[in-house]
Amino acid sequence: MVSNPTQLLQTEINRLRGENDTLRSELYNLRSFVTALQSLADAEEKYKTNEDLLRLLSEIVSQTLDLLSAPDGSLLLMDDETGELEFVIVHGSARSLIGRRLKPKEGIAGWVAATGKACMVRDARTDPRFSARMDEESNFRTQSIAAAPLIGNGRVLGVVEVLNTPGDEPFDDLDQALLMLLCRFAGEALANIDDATRQDGLMTPPTFDPSA
């Protein structure tokens, strides 16, 4: 039986359109990634005070959320003395978390900080590393998570978390690669900024509006 050539042609056109959409999306992500890196490259000259550094941290979260098309995210810094992670910047629906702390190795962020490895979880509630404590304290519901360590001068400075990207498959390998690279560059930028902008190994979060 001879296949309908018109139907075969339409199938091929649809396939090519799908591939084109994928390439456009990847190109957009790569351009966003380059823009984020350029901002980080300027950080050492631009950010000199405690408030300026907080703005840099907020920009890191904002750029990461744009890159992965996510509505919620946070940046946690490591307390070198206690091993705790403190929420310093929060974008999205759970800003009440600012100033709260995770115990060492608590939750997926704690696992990322302890291992120095990135992590992507499509359904947080089914992952044994997930801790619901912060969700309960902030009336937030975490669904999907992408997290990566901020590493500078060979040590973990903190963790960036991206939350609740829409869709059944919220994250892919490209998302993970871009997140890891962005956090690595961000970690080095933070490590190279004057230690005077950090207090006792951990940024003391003043009142700060990320949207300002």
N, C-alpha and C. Protein backbone atom coordinates (compact mmCIF):
# COMPACT_ATOMS: atom_id res chain seq x y z
N MET A 1 0.85 -1.21 0.00
CA MET A 1 0.00 0.00 0.00
C MET A 1 0.88 1.25 0.00
N VAL A 2 0.64 2.18 -0.92
CA VAL A 2 1.44 3.39 -1.04
C VAL A 2 0.94 4.45 -0.04
N SER A 3 1.86 5.00 0.75
CA SER A 3 1.48 6.02 1.72
C SER A 3 1.09 7.30 1.00
N ASN A 4 0.24 8.05 1.66
CA ASN A 4 -0.20 9.34 1.11
C ASN A 4 0.98 10.32 1.16
N PRO A 5 1.50 10.77 0.01
CA PRO A 5 2.67 11.67 0.02
C PRO A 5 2.38 13.00 0.70
N THR A 6 1.16 13.46 0.59
CA THR A 6 0.80 14.73 1.25
C THR A 6 0.88 14.58 2.77
N GLN A 7 0.41 13.46 3.26
CA GLN A 7 0.46 13.21 4.71
C GLN A 7 1.89 13.07 5.19
N LEU A 8 2.73 12.39 4.40
CA LEU A 8 4.14 12.24 4.77
C LEU A 8 4.83 13.60 4.80
N LEU A 9 4.52 14.45 3.82
CA LEU A 9 5.12 15.77 3.77
C LEU A 9 4.71 16.61 4.98
N GLN A 10 3.42 16.53 5.35
CA GLN A 10 2.95 17.30 6.50
C GLN A 10 3.60 16.82 7.78
N THR A 11 3.79 15.50 7.89
CA THR A 11 4.47 14.94 9.07
C THR A 11 5.89 15.47 9.17
N GLU A 12 6.58 15.53 8.04
CA GLU A 12 7.96 16.02 8.04
C GLU A 12 8.00 17.51 8.38
N ILE A 13 7.03 18.27 7.86
CA ILE A 13 6.98 19.71 8.17
C ILE A 13 6.76 19.92 9.66
N ASN A 14 5.87 19.13 10.25
CA ASN A 14 5.61 19.26 11.69
C ASN A 14 6.85 18.91 12.50
N ARG A 15 7.59 17.89 12.05
CA ARG A 15 8.81 17.51 12.75
C ARG A 15 9.85 18.63 12.71
N LEU A 16 10.01 19.22 11.54
CA LEU A 16 10.98 20.30 11.38
C LEU A 16 10.58 21.53 12.19
N ARG A 17 9.28 21.80 12.25
CA ARG A 17 8.81 22.92 13.06
C ARG A 17 9.12 22.69 14.54
N GLY A 18 8.92 21.45 14.99
CA GLY A 18 9.24 21.13 16.38
C GLY A 18 10.71 21.31 16.68
N GLU A 19 11.56 20.86 15.78
CA GLU A 19 13.00 21.02 15.96
C GLU A 19 13.39 22.50 15.96
N ASN A 20 12.75 23.29 15.09
CA ASN A 20 13.04 24.71 15.03
C ASN A 20 12.65 25.41 16.32
N ASP A 21 11.50 25.05 16.89
CA ASP A 21 11.07 25.64 18.16
C ASP A 21 12.06 25.30 19.27
N THR A 22 12.54 24.06 19.27
CA THR A 22 13.51 23.64 20.28
C THR A 22 14.81 24.43 20.16
N LEU A 23 15.29 24.61 18.92
CA LEU A 23 16.52 25.36 18.70
C LEU A 23 16.36 26.82 19.11
N ARG A 24 15.18 27.41 18.81
CA ARG A 24 14.94 28.80 19.22
C ARG A 24 14.98 28.93 20.73
N SER A 25 14.37 27.97 21.43
CA SER A 25 14.35 28.00 22.89
C SER A 25 15.76 27.88 23.45
N GLU A 26 16.55 26.96 22.90
CA GLU A 26 17.92 26.78 23.37
C GLU A 26 18.77 28.02 23.10
N LEU A 27 18.57 28.65 21.94
CA LEU A 27 19.32 29.86 21.61
C LEU A 27 18.97 30.98 22.58
N TYR A 28 17.68 31.10 22.90
CA TYR A 28 17.25 32.12 23.87
C TYR A 28 17.90 31.88 25.22
N ASN A 29 17.94 30.62 25.66
CA ASN A 29 18.55 30.30 26.94
C ASN A 29 20.04 30.63 26.93
N LEU A 30 20.70 30.31 25.85
CA LEU A 30 22.13 30.58 25.77
C LEU A 30 22.42 32.08 25.77
N ARG A 31 21.59 32.85 25.08
CA ARG A 31 21.76 34.30 25.09
C ARG A 31 21.53 34.86 26.48
N SER A 32 20.51 34.35 27.17
CA SER A 32 20.26 34.80 28.54
C SER A 32 21.42 34.45 29.44
N PHE A 33 22.01 33.28 29.21
CA PHE A 33 23.14 32.84 30.01
C PHE A 33 24.34 33.77 29.80
N VAL A 34 24.60 34.15 28.55
CA VAL A 34 25.71 35.06 28.27
C VAL A 34 25.47 36.41 28.92
N THR A 35 24.23 36.90 28.89
CA THR A 35 23.91 38.16 29.54
C THR A 35 24.16 38.10 31.04
N ALA A 36 23.77 36.98 31.66
CA ALA A 36 24.00 36.80 33.09
C ALA A 36 25.48 36.78 33.41
N LEU A 37 26.27 36.12 32.58
CA LEU A 37 27.71 36.06 32.81
C LEU A 37 28.34 37.45 32.69
N GLN A 38 27.85 38.25 31.75
CA GLN A 38 28.39 39.59 31.59
C GLN A 38 28.15 40.42 32.85
N SER A 39 26.97 40.26 33.45
CA SER A 39 26.68 40.98 34.69
C SER A 39 27.62 40.56 35.80
N LEU A 40 27.90 39.27 35.88
CA LEU A 40 28.80 38.77 36.91
C LEU A 40 30.23 39.23 36.66
N ALA A 41 30.62 39.34 35.39
CA ALA A 41 31.97 39.76 35.06
C ALA A 41 32.23 41.19 35.53
N ASP A 42 31.17 42.00 35.58
CA ASP A 42 31.29 43.39 36.02
C ASP A 42 31.20 43.55 37.54
N ALA A 43 30.91 42.46 38.25
CA ALA A 43 30.56 42.56 39.67
C ALA A 43 31.69 43.11 40.52
N GLU A 44 32.91 42.68 40.29
CA GLU A 44 34.00 43.07 41.17
C GLU A 44 34.25 44.58 41.15
N GLU A 45 33.97 45.23 40.02
CA GLU A 45 34.16 46.67 39.93
C GLU A 45 32.94 47.44 40.43
N LYS A 46 31.79 46.84 40.30
CA LYS A 46 30.54 47.55 40.56
C LYS A 46 30.09 47.46 42.00
N TYR A 47 30.35 46.33 42.67
CA TYR A 47 29.77 46.09 43.99
C TYR A 47 30.85 46.19 45.06
N LYS A 48 30.71 47.19 45.93
CA LYS A 48 31.73 47.44 46.94
C LYS A 48 31.18 47.44 48.36
N THR A 49 29.90 47.66 48.56
CA THR A 49 29.33 47.75 49.89
C THR A 49 28.43 46.57 50.17
N ASN A 50 28.03 46.46 51.44
CA ASN A 50 27.14 45.37 51.85
C ASN A 50 25.82 45.41 51.07
N GLU A 51 25.26 46.61 50.91
CA GLU A 51 24.00 46.74 50.18
C GLU A 51 24.19 46.40 48.71
N ASP A 52 25.33 46.82 48.14
CA ASP A 52 25.60 46.50 46.74
C ASP A 52 25.72 44.99 46.54
N LEU A 53 26.33 44.31 47.48
CA LEU A 53 26.48 42.86 47.35
C LEU A 53 25.12 42.18 47.39
N LEU A 54 24.23 42.67 48.24
CA LEU A 54 22.89 42.11 48.27
C LEU A 54 22.18 42.29 46.93
N ARG A 55 22.43 43.42 46.29
CA ARG A 55 21.84 43.64 44.98
C ARG A 55 22.40 42.64 43.96
N LEU A 56 23.68 42.35 44.08
CA LEU A 56 24.28 41.34 43.20
C LEU A 56 23.63 39.98 43.44
N LEU A 57 23.46 39.61 44.71
CA LEU A 57 22.83 38.32 45.03
C LEU A 57 21.42 38.26 44.46
N SER A 58 20.69 39.38 44.58
CA SER A 58 19.34 39.42 44.05
C SER A 58 19.35 39.28 42.53
N GLU A 59 20.33 39.90 41.88
CA GLU A 59 20.43 39.80 40.43
C GLU A 59 20.73 38.35 40.01
N ILE A 60 21.56 37.67 40.79
CA ILE A 60 21.88 36.28 40.49
C ILE A 60 20.60 35.44 40.49
N VAL A 61 19.76 35.64 41.51
CA VAL A 61 18.50 34.88 41.58
C VAL A 61 17.59 35.26 40.43
N SER A 62 17.46 36.56 40.15
CA SER A 62 16.58 37.01 39.08
C SER A 62 17.01 36.45 37.73
N GLN A 63 18.32 36.49 37.47
CA GLN A 63 18.82 35.97 36.19
C GLN A 63 18.61 34.47 36.09
N THR A 64 18.76 33.78 37.20
CA THR A 64 18.57 32.33 37.19
C THR A 64 17.11 31.97 36.93
N LEU A 65 16.19 32.71 37.55
CA LEU A 65 14.77 32.45 37.32
C LEU A 65 14.38 32.72 35.87
N ASP A 66 14.93 33.80 35.31
CA ASP A 66 14.65 34.09 33.90
C ASP A 66 15.19 32.98 33.01
N LEU A 67 16.37 32.50 33.34
CA LEU A 67 17.03 31.48 32.53
C LEU A 67 16.23 30.19 32.50
N LEU A 68 15.64 29.82 33.65
CA LEU A 68 14.92 28.56 33.73
C LEU A 68 13.40 28.75 33.70
N SER A 69 12.95 29.98 33.44
CA SER A 69 11.52 30.30 33.32
C SER A 69 10.75 29.83 34.55
N ALA A 70 11.24 30.18 35.72
CA ALA A 70 10.62 29.76 36.98
C ALA A 70 10.07 30.96 37.74
N PRO A 71 8.98 30.78 38.51
CA PRO A 71 8.38 31.89 39.24
C PRO A 71 9.00 32.16 40.61
N ASP A 72 9.62 31.14 41.20
CA ASP A 72 10.10 31.26 42.57
C ASP A 72 11.55 30.78 42.68
N GLY A 73 12.29 31.43 43.57
CA GLY A 73 13.66 31.00 43.78
C GLY A 73 14.28 31.69 44.97
N SER A 74 15.40 31.19 45.41
CA SER A 74 16.06 31.75 46.58
C SER A 74 17.56 31.54 46.50
N LEU A 75 18.26 32.35 47.28
CA LEU A 75 19.70 32.21 47.44
C LEU A 75 19.99 32.11 48.92
N LEU A 76 20.69 31.07 49.32
CA LEU A 76 21.04 30.83 50.71
C LEU A 76 22.55 30.93 50.84
N LEU A 77 23.02 31.56 51.92
CA LEU A 77 24.45 31.65 52.18
C LEU A 77 24.83 30.76 53.36
N MET A 78 26.03 30.25 53.30
CA MET A 78 26.53 29.33 54.31
C MET A 78 27.12 30.08 55.50
N ASP A 79 26.74 29.68 56.69
CA ASP A 79 27.38 30.15 57.92
C ASP A 79 28.54 29.20 58.19
N ASP A 80 29.76 29.67 58.03
CA ASP A 80 30.93 28.81 58.15
C ASP A 80 31.09 28.23 59.55
N GLU A 81 30.57 28.92 60.55
CA GLU A 81 30.75 28.45 61.93
C GLU A 81 29.77 27.34 62.28
N THR A 82 28.53 27.46 61.84
CA THR A 82 27.50 26.48 62.23
C THR A 82 27.18 25.47 61.13
N GLY A 83 27.55 25.78 59.88
CA GLY A 83 27.19 24.91 58.77
C GLY A 83 25.76 25.07 58.32
N GLU A 84 25.05 26.06 58.89
CA GLU A 84 23.66 26.30 58.50
C GLU A 84 23.61 27.13 57.22
N LEU A 85 22.49 27.00 56.52
CA LEU A 85 22.22 27.83 55.34
C LEU A 85 21.14 28.84 55.70
N GLU A 86 21.38 30.10 55.38
CA GLU A 86 20.40 31.15 55.68
C GLU A 86 19.82 31.72 54.39
N PHE A 87 18.48 31.86 54.35
CA PHE A 87 17.82 32.48 53.21
C PHE A 87 18.12 33.98 53.22
N VAL A 88 18.88 34.43 52.23
CA VAL A 88 19.26 35.84 52.15
C VAL A 88 18.44 36.58 51.10
N ILE A 89 18.20 35.94 49.97
CA ILE A 89 17.38 36.52 48.91
C ILE A 89 16.28 35.52 48.55
N VAL A 90 15.04 35.99 48.48
CA VAL A 90 13.92 35.15 48.06
C VAL A 90 13.08 35.93 47.06
N HIS A 91 12.85 35.35 45.89
CA HIS A 91 11.97 35.94 44.89
C HIS A 91 10.75 35.05 44.74
N GLY A 92 9.58 35.67 44.61
CA GLY A 92 8.37 34.89 44.42
C GLY A 92 7.46 34.93 45.63
N SER A 93 6.85 33.80 45.94
CA SER A 93 5.74 33.75 46.90
C SER A 93 6.13 33.45 48.34
N ALA A 94 7.41 33.24 48.61
CA ALA A 94 7.79 32.82 49.96
C ALA A 94 8.83 33.74 50.58
N ARG A 95 8.62 35.05 50.42
CA ARG A 95 9.62 36.00 50.91
C ARG A 95 9.71 36.04 52.43
N SER A 96 8.74 35.45 53.10
CA SER A 96 8.80 35.38 54.56
C SER A 96 9.95 34.48 55.03
N LEU A 97 10.56 33.74 54.11
CA LEU A 97 11.67 32.86 54.48
C LEU A 97 12.97 33.61 54.72
N ILE A 98 13.05 34.87 54.29
CA ILE A 98 14.29 35.62 54.46
C ILE A 98 14.68 35.65 55.94
N GLY A 99 15.92 35.26 56.20
CA GLY A 99 16.43 35.22 57.57
C GLY A 99 16.29 33.87 58.23
N ARG A 100 15.46 32.98 57.70
CA ARG A 100 15.32 31.65 58.28
C ARG A 100 16.51 30.78 57.89
N ARG A 101 16.72 29.72 58.67
CA ARG A 101 17.90 28.89 58.46
C ARG A 101 17.54 27.41 58.32
N LEU A 102 18.31 26.76 57.48
CA LEU A 102 18.26 25.30 57.39
C LEU A 102 19.40 24.71 58.20
N LYS A 103 19.13 23.63 58.87
CA LYS A 103 20.19 22.94 59.61
C LYS A 103 21.17 22.31 58.63
N PRO A 104 22.39 22.00 59.07
CA PRO A 104 23.34 21.34 58.17
C PRO A 104 22.73 20.08 57.55
N LYS A 105 22.83 19.97 56.24
CA LYS A 105 22.34 18.82 55.46
C LYS A 105 20.82 18.71 55.43
N GLU A 106 20.11 19.73 55.91
CA GLU A 106 18.65 19.67 55.89
C GLU A 106 18.10 20.00 54.51
N GLY A 107 17.19 19.19 54.03
CA GLY A 107 16.53 19.44 52.77
C GLY A 107 17.45 19.27 51.57
N ILE A 108 16.90 19.54 50.42
CA ILE A 108 17.68 19.40 49.19
C ILE A 108 18.78 20.44 49.12
N ALA A 109 18.52 21.66 49.58
CA ALA A 109 19.57 22.68 49.61
C ALA A 109 20.71 22.25 50.52
N GLY A 110 20.37 21.65 51.66
CA GLY A 110 21.41 21.16 52.56
C GLY A 110 22.24 20.06 51.93
N TRP A 111 21.56 19.20 51.17
CA TRP A 111 22.28 18.13 50.47
C TRP A 111 23.23 18.71 49.43
N VAL A 112 22.77 19.72 48.69
CA VAL A 112 23.60 20.35 47.67
C VAL A 112 24.82 21.00 48.31
N ALA A 113 24.62 21.69 49.43
CA ALA A 113 25.74 22.35 50.11
C ALA A 113 26.73 21.32 50.65
N ALA A 114 26.23 20.21 51.17
CA ALA A 114 27.11 19.20 51.77
C ALA A 114 27.91 18.44 50.72
N THR A 115 27.32 18.22 49.56
CA THR A 115 27.99 17.43 48.52
C THR A 115 28.69 18.27 47.47
N GLY A 116 28.30 19.55 47.36
CA GLY A 116 28.85 20.39 46.31
C GLY A 116 28.35 20.03 44.93
N LYS A 117 27.22 19.32 44.86
CA LYS A 117 26.68 18.86 43.59
C LYS A 117 25.33 19.53 43.30
N ALA A 118 25.04 19.72 42.01
CA ALA A 118 23.74 20.24 41.61
C ALA A 118 22.71 19.13 41.68
N CYS A 119 21.43 19.54 41.74
CA CYS A 119 20.35 18.57 41.89
C CYS A 119 19.10 19.10 41.21
N MET A 120 18.40 18.22 40.48
CA MET A 120 17.12 18.57 39.89
C MET A 120 16.08 17.52 40.27
N VAL A 121 14.99 17.98 40.84
CA VAL A 121 13.94 17.08 41.33
C VAL A 121 12.62 17.51 40.74
N ARG A 122 11.97 16.63 40.01
CA ARG A 122 10.71 16.98 39.36
C ARG A 122 9.52 16.94 40.32
N ASP A 123 9.58 16.09 41.33
CA ASP A 123 8.50 15.99 42.32
C ASP A 123 9.16 15.92 43.70
N ALA A 124 9.26 17.09 44.34
CA ALA A 124 9.99 17.18 45.60
C ALA A 124 9.41 16.28 46.67
N ARG A 125 8.10 16.11 46.68
CA ARG A 125 7.44 15.36 47.75
C ARG A 125 7.83 13.88 47.75
N THR A 126 8.34 13.40 46.64
CA THR A 126 8.72 11.99 46.57
C THR A 126 10.21 11.79 46.80
N ASP A 127 10.95 12.86 46.99
CA ASP A 127 12.40 12.75 47.17
C ASP A 127 12.73 12.67 48.66
N PRO A 128 13.46 11.64 49.09
CA PRO A 128 13.76 11.48 50.53
C PRO A 128 14.62 12.61 51.10
N ARG A 129 15.29 13.36 50.26
CA ARG A 129 16.13 14.47 50.75
C ARG A 129 15.30 15.71 51.08
N PHE A 130 14.08 15.76 50.59
CA PHE A 130 13.25 16.96 50.75
C PHE A 130 12.78 17.12 52.19
N SER A 131 12.84 18.37 52.68
CA SER A 131 12.29 18.71 53.99
C SER A 131 11.15 19.70 53.80
N ALA A 132 10.00 19.39 54.37
CA ALA A 132 8.81 20.23 54.21
C ALA A 132 8.73 21.33 55.27
N ARG A 133 9.71 21.44 56.13
CA ARG A 133 9.62 22.37 57.26
C ARG A 133 9.43 23.82 56.80
N MET A 134 10.22 24.25 55.82
CA MET A 134 10.12 25.63 55.36
C MET A 134 8.80 25.89 54.63
N ASP A 135 8.31 24.89 53.91
CA ASP A 135 6.99 25.04 53.28
C ASP A 135 5.92 25.27 54.34
N GLU A 136 5.98 24.50 55.41
CA GLU A 136 4.98 24.61 56.47
C GLU A 136 5.07 25.96 57.18
N GLU A 137 6.28 26.49 57.34
CA GLU A 137 6.45 27.75 58.04
C GLU A 137 6.09 28.96 57.18
N SER A 138 6.06 28.78 55.87
CA SER A 138 5.81 29.91 54.98
C SER A 138 4.53 29.76 54.16
N ASN A 139 3.75 28.69 54.41
CA ASN A 139 2.53 28.42 53.65
C ASN A 139 2.81 28.36 52.15
N PHE A 140 3.91 27.75 51.80
CA PHE A 140 4.33 27.59 50.41
C PHE A 140 4.30 26.11 50.08
N ARG A 141 4.15 25.79 48.80
CA ARG A 141 4.21 24.38 48.40
C ARG A 141 5.25 24.20 47.30
N THR A 142 6.31 23.51 47.64
CA THR A 142 7.35 23.22 46.67
C THR A 142 6.95 22.01 45.84
N GLN A 143 7.07 22.13 44.54
CA GLN A 143 6.76 21.03 43.64
C GLN A 143 8.03 20.51 42.96
N SER A 144 8.62 21.32 42.10
CA SER A 144 9.87 20.93 41.45
C SER A 144 11.01 21.83 41.94
N ILE A 145 12.21 21.29 41.93
CA ILE A 145 13.37 22.02 42.43
C ILE A 145 14.56 21.81 41.50
N ALA A 146 15.26 22.90 41.22
CA ALA A 146 16.60 22.82 40.64
C ALA A 146 17.51 23.61 41.57
N ALA A 147 18.59 23.01 42.01
CA ALA A 147 19.47 23.67 42.96
C ALA A 147 20.92 23.39 42.60
N ALA A 148 21.77 24.38 42.85
CA ALA A 148 23.19 24.22 42.56
C ALA A 148 23.99 25.00 43.60
N PRO A 149 25.19 24.54 43.91
CA PRO A 149 26.01 25.23 44.91
C PRO A 149 26.70 26.45 44.32
N LEU A 150 26.89 27.46 45.16
CA LEU A 150 27.74 28.60 44.84
C LEU A 150 29.13 28.26 45.37
N ILE A 151 30.06 28.00 44.48
CA ILE A 151 31.40 27.57 44.88
C ILE A 151 32.41 28.63 44.46
N GLY A 152 33.20 29.10 45.42
CA GLY A 152 34.24 30.08 45.15
C GLY A 152 35.48 29.78 45.95
N ASN A 153 36.63 29.90 45.32
CA ASN A 153 37.90 29.59 45.98
C ASN A 153 37.89 28.20 46.59
N GLY A 154 37.22 27.27 45.92
CA GLY A 154 37.25 25.87 46.35
C GLY A 154 36.33 25.53 47.50
N ARG A 155 35.44 26.42 47.91
CA ARG A 155 34.53 26.10 49.01
C ARG A 155 33.11 26.51 48.68
N VAL A 156 32.16 25.84 49.31
CA VAL A 156 30.75 26.15 49.09
C VAL A 156 30.37 27.38 49.89
N LEU A 157 29.92 28.41 49.18
CA LEU A 157 29.52 29.67 49.82
C LEU A 157 28.02 29.71 50.08
N GLY A 158 27.27 28.95 49.31
CA GLY A 158 25.82 28.97 49.45
C GLY A 158 25.17 28.09 48.40
N VAL A 159 23.87 28.29 48.22
CA VAL A 159 23.08 27.48 47.29
C VAL A 159 22.04 28.38 46.62
N VAL A 160 21.83 28.16 45.34
CA VAL A 160 20.73 28.80 44.62
C VAL A 160 19.68 27.73 44.33
N GLU A 161 18.42 28.05 44.66
CA GLU A 161 17.31 27.14 44.39
C GLU A 161 16.33 27.79 43.42
N VAL A 162 15.88 27.03 42.43
CA VAL A 162 14.85 27.46 41.50
C VAL A 162 13.66 26.52 41.69
N LEU A 163 12.46 27.10 41.85
CA LEU A 163 11.31 26.29 42.26
C LEU A 163 10.13 26.41 41.30
N ASN A 164 9.46 25.29 41.14
CA ASN A 164 8.11 25.24 40.56
C ASN A 164 8.02 25.73 39.12
N THR A 165 8.99 25.33 38.29
CA THR A 165 8.85 25.59 36.87
C THR A 165 7.66 24.81 36.32
N PRO A 166 6.75 25.44 35.57
CA PRO A 166 5.54 24.75 35.11
C PRO A 166 5.85 23.60 34.15
N GLY A 167 4.90 22.65 34.08
CA GLY A 167 5.01 21.55 33.13
C GLY A 167 5.30 20.22 33.80
N ASP A 168 5.00 19.15 33.08
CA ASP A 168 5.25 17.81 33.61
C ASP A 168 6.73 17.49 33.64
N GLU A 169 7.51 18.10 32.75
CA GLU A 169 8.96 17.90 32.72
C GLU A 169 9.62 19.26 32.89
N PRO A 170 9.65 19.78 34.12
CA PRO A 170 10.04 21.17 34.34
C PRO A 170 11.51 21.47 34.04
N PHE A 171 12.38 20.49 34.17
CA PHE A 171 13.80 20.73 33.96
C PHE A 171 14.37 19.69 33.01
N ASP A 172 15.42 20.08 32.26
CA ASP A 172 16.10 19.13 31.40
C ASP A 172 17.61 19.27 31.59
N ASP A 173 18.37 18.50 30.81
CA ASP A 173 19.82 18.49 30.98
C ASP A 173 20.44 19.85 30.69
N LEU A 174 19.89 20.58 29.71
CA LEU A 174 20.41 21.91 29.41
C LEU A 174 20.19 22.85 30.58
N ASP A 175 19.00 22.79 31.21
CA ASP A 175 18.73 23.60 32.39
C ASP A 175 19.78 23.34 33.47
N GLN A 176 20.07 22.07 33.71
CA GLN A 176 21.03 21.72 34.75
C GLN A 176 22.42 22.24 34.42
N ALA A 177 22.82 22.09 33.17
CA ALA A 177 24.15 22.55 32.77
C ALA A 177 24.28 24.07 32.93
N LEU A 178 23.25 24.81 32.48
CA LEU A 178 23.29 26.27 32.58
C LEU A 178 23.27 26.72 34.04
N LEU A 179 22.46 26.07 34.86
CA LEU A 179 22.39 26.43 36.27
C LEU A 179 23.73 26.20 36.96
N MET A 180 24.36 25.06 36.70
CA MET A 180 25.64 24.75 37.31
C MET A 180 26.71 25.76 36.90
N LEU A 181 26.75 26.10 35.61
CA LEU A 181 27.75 27.05 35.13
C LEU A 181 27.52 28.45 35.71
N LEU A 182 26.26 28.89 35.71
CA LEU A 182 25.95 30.21 36.24
C LEU A 182 26.33 30.30 37.71
N CYS A 183 26.01 29.27 38.48
CA CYS A 183 26.33 29.29 39.91
C CYS A 183 27.84 29.22 40.14
N ARG A 184 28.55 28.51 39.28
CA ARG A 184 30.01 28.47 39.43
C ARG A 184 30.62 29.85 39.20
N PHE A 185 30.18 30.54 38.14
CA PHE A 185 30.68 31.89 37.89
C PHE A 185 30.26 32.85 39.00
N ALA A 186 29.01 32.70 39.47
CA ALA A 186 28.52 33.57 40.55
C ALA A 186 29.31 33.34 41.83
N GLY A 187 29.63 32.07 42.12
CA GLY A 187 30.42 31.76 43.31
C GLY A 187 31.79 32.39 43.27
N GLU A 188 32.43 32.34 42.11
CA GLU A 188 33.76 32.94 41.99
C GLU A 188 33.67 34.46 42.11
N ALA A 189 32.61 35.06 41.55
CA ALA A 189 32.44 36.51 41.68
C ALA A 189 32.28 36.91 43.14
N LEU A 190 31.48 36.14 43.88
CA LEU A 190 31.28 36.43 45.31
C LEU A 190 32.58 36.26 46.09
N ALA A 191 33.33 35.21 45.76
CA ALA A 191 34.56 34.94 46.50
C ALA A 191 35.59 36.04 46.29
N ASN A 192 35.54 36.70 45.14
CA ASN A 192 36.53 37.71 44.80
C ASN A 192 36.16 39.11 45.29
N ILE A 193 34.95 39.26 45.80
CA ILE A 193 34.54 40.55 46.35
C ILE A 193 35.09 40.69 47.77
N ASP A 194 35.49 41.87 48.13
CA ASP A 194 36.13 42.14 49.41
C ASP A 194 35.40 41.49 50.58
N ASP A 195 36.15 40.75 51.43
CA ASP A 195 35.57 40.07 52.58
C ASP A 195 34.90 41.03 53.56
N ALA A 196 35.18 42.31 53.42
CA ALA A 196 34.56 43.28 54.32
C ALA A 196 33.06 43.37 54.10
N THR A 197 32.57 42.91 52.95
CA THR A 197 31.14 42.97 52.69
C THR A 197 30.40 41.80 53.31
N ARG A 198 31.14 40.87 53.93
CA ARG A 198 30.53 39.74 54.62
C ARG A 198 30.85 39.86 56.11
N GLN A 199 29.97 39.45 56.97
CA GLN A 199 30.14 39.60 58.41
C GLN A 199 30.11 38.23 59.07
N ASP A 200 31.21 37.90 59.74
CA ASP A 200 31.30 36.64 60.46
C ASP A 200 31.00 35.43 59.57
N GLY A 201 31.43 35.49 58.33
CA GLY A 201 31.25 34.36 57.43
C GLY A 201 29.88 34.26 56.81
N LEU A 202 28.97 35.17 57.17
CA LEU A 202 27.62 35.11 56.61
C LEU A 202 27.07 36.51 56.45
N MET A 203 26.48 36.77 55.30
CA MET A 203 25.86 38.07 55.08
C MET A 203 24.71 38.28 56.07
N THR A 204 24.74 39.42 56.76
CA THR A 204 23.63 39.76 57.64
C THR A 204 22.54 40.42 56.81
N PRO A 205 21.38 39.77 56.64
CA PRO A 205 20.39 40.31 55.72
C PRO A 205 19.66 41.54 56.25
N PRO A 206 19.95 42.74 55.76
CA PRO A 206 19.18 43.90 56.16
C PRO A 206 17.86 43.92 55.43
N THR A 207 17.03 44.92 55.76
CA THR A 207 15.79 45.07 55.03
C THR A 207 16.12 45.44 53.60
N PHE A 208 15.62 44.66 52.66
CA PHE A 208 16.01 44.85 51.27
C PHE A 208 14.88 44.40 50.36
N ASP A 209 14.53 45.24 49.42
CA ASP A 209 13.48 44.89 48.47
C ASP A 209 14.12 44.52 47.15
N PRO A 210 14.09 43.22 46.75
CA PRO A 210 14.74 42.79 45.52
C PRO A 210 14.22 43.50 44.28
N SER A 211 13.03 44.04 44.34
CA SER A 211 12.46 44.68 43.16
C SER A 211 12.92 46.13 43.01
N ALA A 212 13.61 46.63 44.04
CA ALA A 212 14.02 48.03 44.00
C ALA A 212 15.14 48.24 42.99
